[in-house]
Protein backbone atom coordinates (compact mmCIF):
# COMPACT_ATOMS: atom_id res chain seq x y z
CA UNK A 1 0.00 0.00 0.00
CA UNK A 2 2.84 2.40 0.82
CA UNK A 3 4.35 1.74 -2.61
CA UNK A 4 1.03 2.53 -4.32
CA UNK A 5 0.73 5.73 -2.26
CA UNK A 6 4.29 6.68 -3.16
CA UNK A 7 3.68 6.06 -6.87
CA UNK A 8 0.46 8.06 -6.76
CA UNK A 9 2.21 10.96 -5.06
CA UNK A 10 5.06 10.72 -7.54
CA UNK A 11 2.62 10.91 -10.45
CA UNK A 12 0.84 13.88 -8.94
CA UNK A 13 4.10 15.66 -8.27
CA UNK A 14 5.53 14.86 -11.69
CA UNK A 15 3.66 17.87 -12.98
CA UNK A 16 5.91 20.89 -13.30
CA UNK A 17 6.91 22.27 -9.91
CA UNK A 18 7.12 25.81 -11.20
CA UNK A 19 4.58 28.45 -10.34
CA UNK A 20 1.98 29.51 -12.86
CA UNK A 21 3.16 33.05 -12.03
CA UNK A 22 6.46 32.07 -13.66
CA UNK A 23 4.72 30.99 -16.84
CA UNK A 24 2.67 34.19 -16.86
CA UNK A 25 5.80 36.26 -16.32
CA UNK A 26 7.62 34.51 -19.18
CA UNK A 27 4.71 35.12 -21.55
CA UNK A 28 4.65 38.79 -20.56
CA UNK A 29 8.43 39.01 -21.09
CA UNK A 30 7.72 38.69 -24.82
CA UNK A 31 11.08 37.10 -25.65
CA UNK A 32 13.01 40.09 -24.28
CA UNK A 33 16.10 38.70 -22.55
CA UNK A 34 16.31 41.09 -19.55
CA UNK A 35 12.63 40.51 -18.78
CA UNK A 36 13.07 36.75 -19.04
CA UNK A 37 16.00 36.91 -16.63
CA UNK A 38 13.90 38.96 -14.19
CA UNK A 39 11.24 36.22 -14.30
CA UNK A 40 13.90 33.60 -13.73
CA UNK A 41 15.35 35.50 -10.78
CA UNK A 42 11.92 35.55 -9.11
CA UNK A 43 11.39 31.85 -9.81
CA UNK A 44 14.85 30.99 -8.45
CA UNK A 45 13.99 32.82 -5.23
CA UNK A 46 10.72 30.87 -4.99
CA UNK A 47 12.35 27.53 -5.76
CA UNK A 48 15.19 28.12 -3.27
CA UNK A 49 12.66 29.01 -0.56
CA UNK A 50 10.72 25.81 -1.31
CA UNK A 51 13.97 23.80 -1.30
CA UNK A 52 15.04 25.23 2.06
CA UNK A 53 11.61 24.58 3.59
CA UNK A 54 11.50 20.97 2.35
CA UNK A 55 15.07 20.27 3.41
CA UNK A 56 14.55 21.81 6.87
CA UNK A 57 11.36 19.82 7.42
CA UNK A 58 13.06 16.54 6.53
CA UNK A 59 16.12 17.40 8.59
CA UNK A 60 13.86 18.00 11.59
CA UNK A 61 12.20 14.60 11.07
CA UNK A 62 15.58 12.89 10.94
CA UNK A 63 17.13 14.51 14.03
CA UNK A 64 16.40 11.42 16.10
CA UNK A 65 18.26 9.21 13.60
CA UNK A 66 21.83 10.56 13.55
CA UNK A 67 23.02 8.39 10.65
CA UNK A 68 20.06 9.39 8.48
CA UNK A 69 20.53 13.05 9.37
CA UNK A 70 24.19 12.81 8.38
CA UNK A 71 23.32 11.04 5.11
CA UNK A 72 20.77 13.75 4.27
CA UNK A 73 23.40 16.44 4.81
CA UNK A 74 25.86 14.49 2.65
CA UNK A 75 23.29 14.01 -0.10
CA UNK A 76 22.41 17.71 -0.11
CA UNK A 77 26.07 18.68 -0.43
CA UNK A 78 26.50 16.19 -3.28
CA UNK A 79 23.33 17.45 -4.96
CA UNK A 80 24.61 21.07 -4.82
CA UNK A 81 27.89 19.97 -6.44
CA UNK A 82 25.96 18.07 -9.12
CA UNK A 83 23.63 21.01 -9.83
CA UNK A 84 26.52 23.44 -10.13
CA UNK A 85 28.69 21.16 -12.28
CA UNK A 86 25.79 20.18 -14.53
CA UNK A 87 24.63 23.75 -15.13
CA UNK A 88 28.19 25.10 -15.45
CA UNK A 89 28.49 22.97 -18.58
CA UNK A 90 26.23 25.41 -20.43
CA UNK A 91 28.54 28.46 -20.38
CA UNK A 92 31.57 26.19 -20.84
CA UNK A 93 30.15 24.90 -24.12
CA UNK A 94 28.14 27.83 -25.43
CA UNK A 95 29.66 30.94 -23.86
CA UNK A 96 28.22 33.57 -21.61
CA UNK A 97 25.80 35.58 -23.76
CA UNK A 98 22.37 36.55 -22.52
CA UNK A 99 20.71 33.54 -24.20
CA UNK A 100 23.28 31.27 -22.55
CA UNK A 101 22.56 32.91 -19.19
CA UNK A 102 18.87 32.18 -19.73
CA UNK A 103 19.69 28.54 -20.49
CA UNK A 104 21.89 28.38 -17.39
CA UNK A 105 19.10 29.78 -15.22
CA UNK A 106 16.63 27.31 -16.74
CA UNK A 107 19.00 24.51 -15.80
CA UNK A 108 19.21 25.67 -12.18
CA UNK A 109 15.44 26.16 -11.95
CA UNK A 110 14.71 22.71 -13.42
CA UNK A 111 17.16 20.86 -11.21
CA UNK A 112 16.09 22.75 -8.09
CA UNK A 113 12.42 22.09 -8.84
CA UNK A 114 13.17 18.38 -9.21
CA UNK A 115 15.02 18.36 -5.88
CA UNK A 116 12.08 20.05 -4.15
CA UNK A 117 9.78 17.34 -5.51
CA UNK A 118 12.17 14.64 -4.33
CA UNK A 119 12.43 16.08 -0.80
CA UNK A 120 8.66 16.54 -0.66
CA UNK A 121 8.26 12.84 -1.44
CA UNK A 122 10.45 12.04 1.53
CA UNK A 123 8.44 14.42 3.68
CA UNK A 124 5.05 13.07 2.67
CA UNK A 125 5.38 9.39 1.78
CA UNK A 126 8.56 8.11 3.36
CA UNK A 127 7.90 9.39 6.84
CA UNK A 128 10.17 8.53 9.66
CA UNK A 129 7.52 8.94 12.32
CA UNK A 130 7.54 6.26 14.96
CA UNK A 131 11.27 5.66 14.75
C-alpha atoms as a PDB file:
ATOM      1  CA  UNK A   1       0.000   0.000   0.000  1.00  0.00           C
ATOM      2  CA  UNK A   2       2.840   2.402   0.824  1.00  0.00           C
ATOM      3  CA  UNK A   3       4.349   1.740  -2.608  1.00  0.00           C
ATOM      4  CA  UNK A   4       1.032   2.528  -4.321  1.00  0.00           C
ATOM      5  CA  UNK A   5       0.734   5.725  -2.265  1.00  0.00           C
ATOM      6  CA  UNK A   6       4.293   6.681  -3.158  1.00  0.00           C
ATOM      7  CA  UNK A   7       3.678   6.058  -6.874  1.00  0.00           C
ATOM      8  CA  UNK A   8       0.458   8.063  -6.764  1.00  0.00           C
ATOM      9  CA  UNK A   9       2.208  10.957  -5.059  1.00  0.00           C
ATOM     10  CA  UNK A  10       5.057  10.716  -7.545  1.00  0.00           C
ATOM     11  CA  UNK A  11       2.621  10.908 -10.446  1.00  0.00           C
ATOM     12  CA  UNK A  12       0.844  13.883  -8.935  1.00  0.00           C
ATOM     13  CA  UNK A  13       4.103  15.661  -8.267  1.00  0.00           C
ATOM     14  CA  UNK A  14       5.528  14.856 -11.691  1.00  0.00           C
ATOM     15  CA  UNK A  15       3.660  17.875 -12.980  1.00  0.00           C
ATOM     16  CA  UNK A  16       5.909  20.893 -13.299  1.00  0.00           C
ATOM     17  CA  UNK A  17       6.912  22.274  -9.915  1.00  0.00           C
ATOM     18  CA  UNK A  18       7.115  25.809 -11.197  1.00  0.00           C
ATOM     19  CA  UNK A  19       4.578  28.448 -10.339  1.00  0.00           C
ATOM     20  CA  UNK A  20       1.985  29.515 -12.856  1.00  0.00           C
ATOM     21  CA  UNK A  21       3.163  33.046 -12.028  1.00  0.00           C
ATOM     22  CA  UNK A  22       6.461  32.068 -13.655  1.00  0.00           C
ATOM     23  CA  UNK A  23       4.716  30.989 -16.844  1.00  0.00           C
ATOM     24  CA  UNK A  24       2.672  34.189 -16.862  1.00  0.00           C
ATOM     25  CA  UNK A  25       5.802  36.257 -16.320  1.00  0.00           C
ATOM     26  CA  UNK A  26       7.616  34.507 -19.176  1.00  0.00           C
ATOM     27  CA  UNK A  27       4.714  35.121 -21.545  1.00  0.00           C
ATOM     28  CA  UNK A  28       4.654  38.792 -20.564  1.00  0.00           C
ATOM     29  CA  UNK A  29       8.430  39.008 -21.093  1.00  0.00           C
ATOM     30  CA  UNK A  30       7.716  38.685 -24.817  1.00  0.00           C
ATOM     31  CA  UNK A  31      11.078  37.097 -25.654  1.00  0.00           C
ATOM     32  CA  UNK A  32      13.010  40.092 -24.282  1.00  0.00           C
ATOM     33  CA  UNK A  33      16.099  38.696 -22.546  1.00  0.00           C
ATOM     34  CA  UNK A  34      16.313  41.089 -19.550  1.00  0.00           C
ATOM     35  CA  UNK A  35      12.629  40.513 -18.779  1.00  0.00           C
ATOM     36  CA  UNK A  36      13.065  36.746 -19.043  1.00  0.00           C
ATOM     37  CA  UNK A  37      16.001  36.909 -16.628  1.00  0.00           C
ATOM     38  CA  UNK A  38      13.898  38.956 -14.185  1.00  0.00           C
ATOM     39  CA  UNK A  39      11.238  36.224 -14.302  1.00  0.00           C
ATOM     40  CA  UNK A  40      13.902  33.596 -13.735  1.00  0.00           C
ATOM     41  CA  UNK A  41      15.347  35.503 -10.779  1.00  0.00           C
ATOM     42  CA  UNK A  42      11.920  35.554  -9.114  1.00  0.00           C
ATOM     43  CA  UNK A  43      11.391  31.853  -9.809  1.00  0.00           C
ATOM     44  CA  UNK A  44      14.855  30.986  -8.448  1.00  0.00           C
ATOM     45  CA  UNK A  45      13.991  32.815  -5.227  1.00  0.00           C
ATOM     46  CA  UNK A  46      10.716  30.874  -4.990  1.00  0.00           C
ATOM     47  CA  UNK A  47      12.352  27.526  -5.759  1.00  0.00           C
ATOM     48  CA  UNK A  48      15.187  28.117  -3.265  1.00  0.00           C
ATOM     49  CA  UNK A  49      12.664  29.012  -0.556  1.00  0.00           C
ATOM     50  CA  UNK A  50      10.724  25.807  -1.314  1.00  0.00           C
ATOM     51  CA  UNK A  51      13.967  23.803  -1.300  1.00  0.00           C
ATOM     52  CA  UNK A  52      15.038  25.228   2.055  1.00  0.00           C
ATOM     53  CA  UNK A  53      11.614  24.578   3.590  1.00  0.00           C
ATOM     54  CA  UNK A  54      11.496  20.966   2.355  1.00  0.00           C
ATOM     55  CA  UNK A  55      15.074  20.273   3.410  1.00  0.00           C
ATOM     56  CA  UNK A  56      14.548  21.807   6.870  1.00  0.00           C
ATOM     57  CA  UNK A  57      11.356  19.816   7.416  1.00  0.00           C
ATOM     58  CA  UNK A  58      13.063  16.540   6.533  1.00  0.00           C
ATOM     59  CA  UNK A  59      16.120  17.397   8.590  1.00  0.00           C
ATOM     60  CA  UNK A  60      13.858  17.999  11.591  1.00  0.00           C
ATOM     61  CA  UNK A  61      12.196  14.604  11.074  1.00  0.00           C
ATOM     62  CA  UNK A  62      15.575  12.890  10.944  1.00  0.00           C
ATOM     63  CA  UNK A  63      17.128  14.515  14.028  1.00  0.00           C
ATOM     64  CA  UNK A  64      16.405  11.420  16.096  1.00  0.00           C
ATOM     65  CA  UNK A  65      18.255   9.214  13.604  1.00  0.00           C
ATOM     66  CA  UNK A  66      21.835  10.562  13.546  1.00  0.00           C
ATOM     67  CA  UNK A  67      23.021   8.387  10.653  1.00  0.00           C
ATOM     68  CA  UNK A  68      20.063   9.386   8.483  1.00  0.00           C
ATOM     69  CA  UNK A  69      20.529  13.048   9.368  1.00  0.00           C
ATOM     70  CA  UNK A  70      24.193  12.807   8.375  1.00  0.00           C
ATOM     71  CA  UNK A  71      23.317  11.037   5.109  1.00  0.00           C
ATOM     72  CA  UNK A  72      20.770  13.750   4.268  1.00  0.00           C
ATOM     73  CA  UNK A  73      23.395  16.445   4.809  1.00  0.00           C
ATOM     74  CA  UNK A  74      25.861  14.490   2.651  1.00  0.00           C
ATOM     75  CA  UNK A  75      23.292  14.007  -0.098  1.00  0.00           C
ATOM     76  CA  UNK A  76      22.411  17.711  -0.113  1.00  0.00           C
ATOM     77  CA  UNK A  77      26.069  18.684  -0.430  1.00  0.00           C
ATOM     78  CA  UNK A  78      26.499  16.191  -3.282  1.00  0.00           C
ATOM     79  CA  UNK A  79      23.332  17.453  -4.960  1.00  0.00           C
ATOM     80  CA  UNK A  80      24.613  21.068  -4.823  1.00  0.00           C
ATOM     81  CA  UNK A  81      27.888  19.972  -6.437  1.00  0.00           C
ATOM     82  CA  UNK A  82      25.960  18.069  -9.125  1.00  0.00           C
ATOM     83  CA  UNK A  83      23.634  21.011  -9.830  1.00  0.00           C
ATOM     84  CA  UNK A  84      26.520  23.444 -10.134  1.00  0.00           C
ATOM     85  CA  UNK A  85      28.685  21.158 -12.278  1.00  0.00           C
ATOM     86  CA  UNK A  86      25.789  20.185 -14.528  1.00  0.00           C
ATOM     87  CA  UNK A  87      24.628  23.747 -15.132  1.00  0.00           C
ATOM     88  CA  UNK A  88      28.195  25.095 -15.455  1.00  0.00           C
ATOM     89  CA  UNK A  89      28.495  22.974 -18.575  1.00  0.00           C
ATOM     90  CA  UNK A  90      26.228  25.408 -20.435  1.00  0.00           C
ATOM     91  CA  UNK A  91      28.544  28.455 -20.375  1.00  0.00           C
ATOM     92  CA  UNK A  92      31.567  26.188 -20.838  1.00  0.00           C
ATOM     93  CA  UNK A  93      30.145  24.899 -24.124  1.00  0.00           C
ATOM     94  CA  UNK A  94      28.143  27.829 -25.432  1.00  0.00           C
ATOM     95  CA  UNK A  95      29.663  30.935 -23.861  1.00  0.00           C
ATOM     96  CA  UNK A  96      28.219  33.572 -21.608  1.00  0.00           C
ATOM     97  CA  UNK A  97      25.803  35.582 -23.757  1.00  0.00           C
ATOM     98  CA  UNK A  98      22.371  36.546 -22.517  1.00  0.00           C
ATOM     99  CA  UNK A  99      20.710  33.542 -24.200  1.00  0.00           C
ATOM    100  CA  UNK A 100      23.276  31.271 -22.553  1.00  0.00           C
ATOM    101  CA  UNK A 101      22.562  32.913 -19.194  1.00  0.00           C
ATOM    102  CA  UNK A 102      18.871  32.180 -19.730  1.00  0.00           C
ATOM    103  CA  UNK A 103      19.691  28.539 -20.493  1.00  0.00           C
ATOM    104  CA  UNK A 104      21.891  28.376 -17.393  1.00  0.00           C
ATOM    105  CA  UNK A 105      19.097  29.782 -15.221  1.00  0.00           C
ATOM    106  CA  UNK A 106      16.629  27.310 -16.739  1.00  0.00           C
ATOM    107  CA  UNK A 107      18.996  24.506 -15.797  1.00  0.00           C
ATOM    108  CA  UNK A 108      19.213  25.668 -12.178  1.00  0.00           C
ATOM    109  CA  UNK A 109      15.437  26.156 -11.954  1.00  0.00           C
ATOM    110  CA  UNK A 110      14.710  22.713 -13.422  1.00  0.00           C
ATOM    111  CA  UNK A 111      17.164  20.863 -11.208  1.00  0.00           C
ATOM    112  CA  UNK A 112      16.085  22.745  -8.089  1.00  0.00           C
ATOM    113  CA  UNK A 113      12.419  22.094  -8.837  1.00  0.00           C
ATOM    114  CA  UNK A 114      13.171  18.382  -9.213  1.00  0.00           C
ATOM    115  CA  UNK A 115      15.022  18.363  -5.880  1.00  0.00           C
ATOM    116  CA  UNK A 116      12.076  20.048  -4.150  1.00  0.00           C
ATOM    117  CA  UNK A 117       9.777  17.340  -5.509  1.00  0.00           C
ATOM    118  CA  UNK A 118      12.173  14.645  -4.326  1.00  0.00           C
ATOM    119  CA  UNK A 119      12.432  16.081  -0.803  1.00  0.00           C
ATOM    120  CA  UNK A 120       8.660  16.545  -0.663  1.00  0.00           C
ATOM    121  CA  UNK A 121       8.258  12.838  -1.440  1.00  0.00           C
ATOM    122  CA  UNK A 122      10.446  12.035   1.530  1.00  0.00           C
ATOM    123  CA  UNK A 123       8.440  14.420   3.683  1.00  0.00           C
ATOM    124  CA  UNK A 124       5.049  13.067   2.667  1.00  0.00           C
ATOM    125  CA  UNK A 125       5.381   9.388   1.779  1.00  0.00           C
ATOM    126  CA  UNK A 126       8.564   8.108   3.360  1.00  0.00           C
ATOM    127  CA  UNK A 127       7.895   9.387   6.838  1.00  0.00           C
ATOM    128  CA  UNK A 128      10.175   8.535   9.662  1.00  0.00           C
ATOM    129  CA  UNK A 129       7.522   8.935  12.322  1.00  0.00           C
ATOM    130  CA  UNK A 130       7.544   6.261  14.960  1.00  0.00           C
ATOM    131  CA  UNK A 131      11.269   5.656  14.752  1.00  0.00           C
END
